[in-house]
Protein backbone atom coordinates (compact mmCIF):
# COMPACT_ATOMS: atom_id res chain seq x y z
CA UNK A 1 97.59 80.60 102.45
CA UNK A 2 97.00 84.30 101.88
CA UNK A 3 99.19 87.02 103.35
CA UNK A 4 96.67 88.22 105.92
CA UNK A 5 95.61 84.69 106.83
CA UNK A 6 99.21 83.90 107.73
CA UNK A 7 99.96 87.14 109.54
CA UNK A 8 99.23 85.81 113.04
CA UNK A 9 100.18 88.49 115.57
CA UNK A 10 103.08 90.02 113.66
CA UNK A 11 103.45 93.73 112.95
CA UNK A 12 104.72 94.31 109.41
CA UNK A 13 105.47 97.20 107.11
CA UNK A 14 104.32 97.98 103.58
CA UNK A 15 105.49 100.77 101.28
CA UNK A 16 102.77 102.79 99.58
CA UNK A 17 104.03 103.23 96.04
CA UNK A 18 101.89 106.34 95.61
CA UNK A 19 104.94 108.22 96.92
CA UNK A 20 107.56 106.26 94.97
CA UNK A 21 109.47 107.30 91.88
CA UNK A 22 107.25 105.56 89.35
CA UNK A 23 109.94 105.65 86.67
CA UNK A 24 111.94 103.32 88.94
CA UNK A 25 109.07 101.48 90.59
CA UNK A 26 110.55 97.97 90.71
CA UNK A 27 113.80 99.33 92.14
CA UNK A 28 111.97 101.41 94.75
CA UNK A 29 109.98 98.39 95.90
CA UNK A 30 113.14 96.29 96.07
CA UNK A 31 114.81 98.90 98.28
CA UNK A 32 111.84 98.95 100.64
CA UNK A 33 111.89 95.14 100.73
CA UNK A 34 115.52 95.26 101.86
CA UNK A 35 114.27 97.35 104.78
CA UNK A 36 111.92 94.56 105.84
CA UNK A 37 108.74 95.31 103.86
CA UNK A 38 106.56 92.22 103.40
CA UNK A 39 103.75 93.69 101.30
CA UNK A 40 103.38 96.34 98.57
CA UNK A 41 100.45 98.75 98.88
CA UNK A 42 99.04 99.78 95.49
CA UNK A 43 96.63 102.75 95.54
CA UNK A 44 94.09 103.07 92.75
CA UNK A 45 92.26 106.39 92.38
CA UNK A 46 89.66 107.36 89.78
CA UNK A 47 89.50 111.18 90.03
CA UNK A 48 85.87 110.73 91.08
CA UNK A 49 85.62 109.01 94.46
CA UNK A 50 88.81 110.91 95.33
CA UNK A 51 90.25 114.00 93.59
CA UNK A 52 93.26 112.27 92.09
CA UNK A 53 94.07 109.82 89.30
CA UNK A 54 96.64 107.04 89.61
CA UNK A 55 97.61 103.64 88.24
CA UNK A 56 95.53 100.77 86.91
CA UNK A 57 95.61 97.01 86.31
CA UNK A 58 98.38 97.08 83.68
CA UNK A 59 100.85 98.65 86.11
CA UNK A 60 99.73 96.22 88.82
CA UNK A 61 100.37 93.27 86.52
CA UNK A 62 103.86 94.58 85.73
CA UNK A 63 104.60 95.01 89.43
CA UNK A 64 103.37 91.49 90.23
CA UNK A 65 105.90 90.18 87.71
CA UNK A 66 108.69 92.40 89.06
CA UNK A 67 108.48 91.53 92.77
CA UNK A 68 108.02 88.47 94.93
CA UNK A 69 106.17 90.52 97.54
CA UNK A 70 102.36 90.24 97.54
CA UNK A 71 100.66 93.23 95.94
CA UNK A 72 97.83 94.72 98.00
CA UNK A 73 95.42 96.84 95.95
CA UNK A 74 93.40 99.63 97.59
CA UNK A 75 90.53 100.70 95.33
CA UNK A 76 89.54 104.32 95.93
CA UNK A 77 87.02 104.26 93.10
CA UNK A 78 83.30 104.83 92.73
CA UNK A 79 82.44 101.59 90.94
CA UNK A 80 84.82 98.95 92.32
CA UNK A 81 82.89 96.02 90.84
CA UNK A 82 83.74 97.23 87.33
CA UNK A 83 87.50 97.07 87.82
CA UNK A 84 87.99 94.19 90.26
CA UNK A 85 88.13 91.48 87.54
CA UNK A 86 91.06 93.22 85.82
CA UNK A 87 93.07 93.35 89.06
CA UNK A 88 92.30 89.71 89.79
CA UNK A 89 93.59 88.86 86.33
CA UNK A 90 96.70 90.92 87.07
CA UNK A 91 97.51 88.48 89.88
CA UNK A 92 97.35 90.75 92.92
CA UNK A 93 97.11 89.06 96.30
CA UNK A 94 94.52 91.25 98.03
CA UNK A 95 91.98 93.94 97.20
CA UNK A 96 90.23 96.38 99.53
CA UNK A 97 87.20 98.47 98.62
CA UNK A 98 85.66 101.43 100.41
CA UNK A 99 82.47 100.75 102.29
CA UNK A 100 81.40 104.24 101.23
CA UNK A 101 81.67 103.25 97.54
CA UNK A 102 80.33 99.68 97.53
CA UNK A 103 76.64 99.45 96.71
CA UNK A 104 76.41 95.73 97.55
CA UNK A 105 79.39 95.09 99.81
CA UNK A 106 78.72 91.39 100.40
CA UNK A 107 78.59 90.74 96.65
CA UNK A 108 81.79 92.70 96.08
CA UNK A 109 83.74 90.92 98.81
CA UNK A 110 82.51 87.54 97.61
CA UNK A 111 83.68 88.34 94.07
CA UNK A 112 87.18 89.21 95.33
CA UNK A 113 87.46 85.99 97.31
CA UNK A 114 86.03 83.91 94.48
CA UNK A 115 88.71 85.37 92.21
CA UNK A 116 91.47 84.04 94.46
CA UNK A 117 92.42 87.21 96.36
CA UNK A 118 91.95 88.20 99.98
CA UNK A 119 89.18 90.74 100.55
CA UNK A 120 89.35 93.87 102.66
CA UNK A 121 87.25 96.92 103.39
CA UNK A 122 88.56 100.45 103.80
CA UNK A 123 87.08 103.07 106.12
CA UNK A 124 87.33 106.82 105.60
CA UNK A 125 88.23 108.78 108.73
CA UNK A 126 84.64 109.86 109.43
CA UNK A 127 83.12 106.41 108.82
CA UNK A 128 82.07 104.49 111.91
CA UNK A 129 83.45 100.98 112.51
CA UNK A 130 79.87 99.77 112.97
CA UNK A 131 79.27 100.34 109.25
CA UNK A 132 81.04 97.05 108.52
CA UNK A 133 79.69 94.96 111.41
CA UNK A 134 77.65 92.66 109.18
CA UNK A 135 80.43 92.30 106.61
CA UNK A 136 83.01 90.94 109.06
CA UNK A 137 82.47 87.23 108.17
CA UNK A 138 83.35 88.00 104.54
CA UNK A 139 86.53 89.96 105.26
CA UNK A 140 90.18 88.94 105.51
CA UNK A 141 91.41 92.34 106.74
CA UNK A 142 90.36 95.93 107.43
CA UNK A 143 92.05 99.11 106.21
CA UNK A 144 91.73 102.19 108.43
CA UNK A 145 92.49 105.46 106.65
CA UNK A 146 94.26 107.81 109.04
CA UNK A 147 94.06 110.64 106.51
CA UNK A 148 91.38 111.48 103.99
CA UNK A 149 92.03 109.37 100.88
CA UNK A 150 93.33 110.91 97.68
CA UNK A 151 96.79 112.32 98.32
CA UNK A 152 100.02 111.36 100.03
CA UNK A 153 101.84 113.51 102.55
CA UNK A 154 98.82 114.48 104.66
CA UNK A 155 98.87 114.91 108.43
CA UNK A 156 97.87 111.99 110.63
CA UNK A 157 94.38 112.18 112.18
CA UNK A 158 94.89 111.17 115.84
CA UNK A 159 91.28 110.06 116.42
CA UNK A 160 92.00 107.07 114.19
CA UNK A 161 93.94 105.47 117.04
CA UNK A 162 90.70 105.02 118.94
CA UNK A 163 89.01 103.70 115.79
CA UNK A 164 91.62 100.93 115.58
CA UNK A 165 90.99 100.08 119.24
CA UNK A 166 87.24 99.93 118.61
CA UNK A 167 87.70 97.61 115.64
CA UNK A 168 89.91 95.29 117.70
CA UNK A 169 87.05 95.03 120.20
CA UNK A 170 84.76 94.00 117.35
CA UNK A 171 87.00 91.52 115.53
CA UNK A 172 90.35 89.75 115.48
CA UNK A 173 90.85 90.49 111.77
CA UNK A 174 94.20 92.07 110.87
CA UNK A 175 94.07 95.85 110.55
CA UNK A 176 96.05 97.93 108.08
CA UNK A 177 96.59 101.64 108.72
CA UNK A 178 97.37 104.11 105.97
CA UNK A 179 98.06 107.84 106.11
CA UNK A 180 100.62 109.86 108.01
CA UNK A 181 102.40 106.75 109.28
CA UNK A 182 105.84 107.72 110.60
CA UNK A 183 108.22 106.55 113.30
CA UNK A 184 106.15 108.69 115.69
CA UNK A 185 102.67 107.47 114.69
CA UNK A 186 103.51 103.83 113.90
CA UNK A 187 103.94 102.96 117.62
CA UNK A 188 100.59 104.57 118.46
CA UNK A 189 98.78 102.52 115.84
CA UNK A 190 100.60 99.29 116.70
CA UNK A 191 99.79 99.73 120.39
CA UNK A 192 96.12 100.16 119.45
CA UNK A 193 96.18 96.88 117.53
CA UNK A 194 97.20 97.66 113.93
CA UNK A 195 99.42 95.04 112.32
CA UNK A 196 100.16 96.37 108.82
CA UNK A 197 101.84 99.78 108.82
CA UNK A 198 101.54 101.39 105.39
CA UNK A 199 103.94 104.26 104.80
CA UNK A 200 104.51 106.25 101.64
CA UNK A 201 106.03 109.70 101.97
CA UNK A 202 107.95 108.65 105.08
CA UNK A 203 109.59 105.72 103.25
CA UNK A 204 110.37 107.40 99.95
CA UNK A 205 111.51 110.79 101.26
CA UNK A 206 115.01 109.37 101.66
CA UNK A 207 116.56 105.90 101.54
CA UNK A 208 113.57 103.50 101.32
CA UNK A 209 115.57 100.68 102.91
CA UNK A 210 116.47 102.67 106.01
CA UNK A 211 113.15 104.51 106.35
CA UNK A 212 111.09 101.34 105.97
CA UNK A 213 113.19 99.63 108.61
CA UNK A 214 112.70 102.53 111.03
CA UNK A 215 108.90 102.44 110.70
CA UNK A 216 108.74 98.66 111.21
CA UNK A 217 111.06 98.72 114.20
CA UNK A 218 109.12 101.57 115.82
CA UNK A 219 105.85 99.66 115.49
CA UNK A 220 107.26 96.37 116.68
CA UNK A 221 108.88 97.83 119.77
CA UNK A 222 105.52 99.11 120.97
CA UNK A 223 103.67 95.94 120.04
CA UNK A 224 106.33 93.81 121.74
CA UNK A 225 106.94 91.70 118.63
CA UNK A 226 110.61 92.47 117.96
């Protein structure tokens, strides 16, 4: 059973390693896991779809070997179909692609699932939930960006709370939220229906164990799942 398939109604936390000390990546992930993290969020940027360049399949494969947590890959790239096979080979558990970047979304999602990973779609802040209406049967989860993709440490966009609510009216698929997630915004997103709280700068600004725990507890209190 995949991670999202087995999530049920739980609210969980995931560190975004974009904000981690990459020279000590395995240790940083382990510290976040001690704080209750159940998933590792792995951002991939191509300096084209977004104005930044990050890690690729080789780092993902190393991380898969270094942690027992499932590795969740978020492709912020212009041609996701070209790179998906390498991440599947790396052994990641889930891959999300941007609806804005996928030319043939059904084909892309089918390829992810056929490769043994769970498939998700990511939505930029200005993208309407209705853009993915006809893709819902081929999805295992949805990722709502609550900042514009490309950089960590951005300010939370409050209108994304209503986007999460709208998506929950459309589907019972688990929803991830990424961008500006703190102890203040995590409860707002959890109350709206988000289940996976992705936090980067908030977690790695101090002790990842303590900061991860705070984000998870804040979300769960609001969702009533403590």
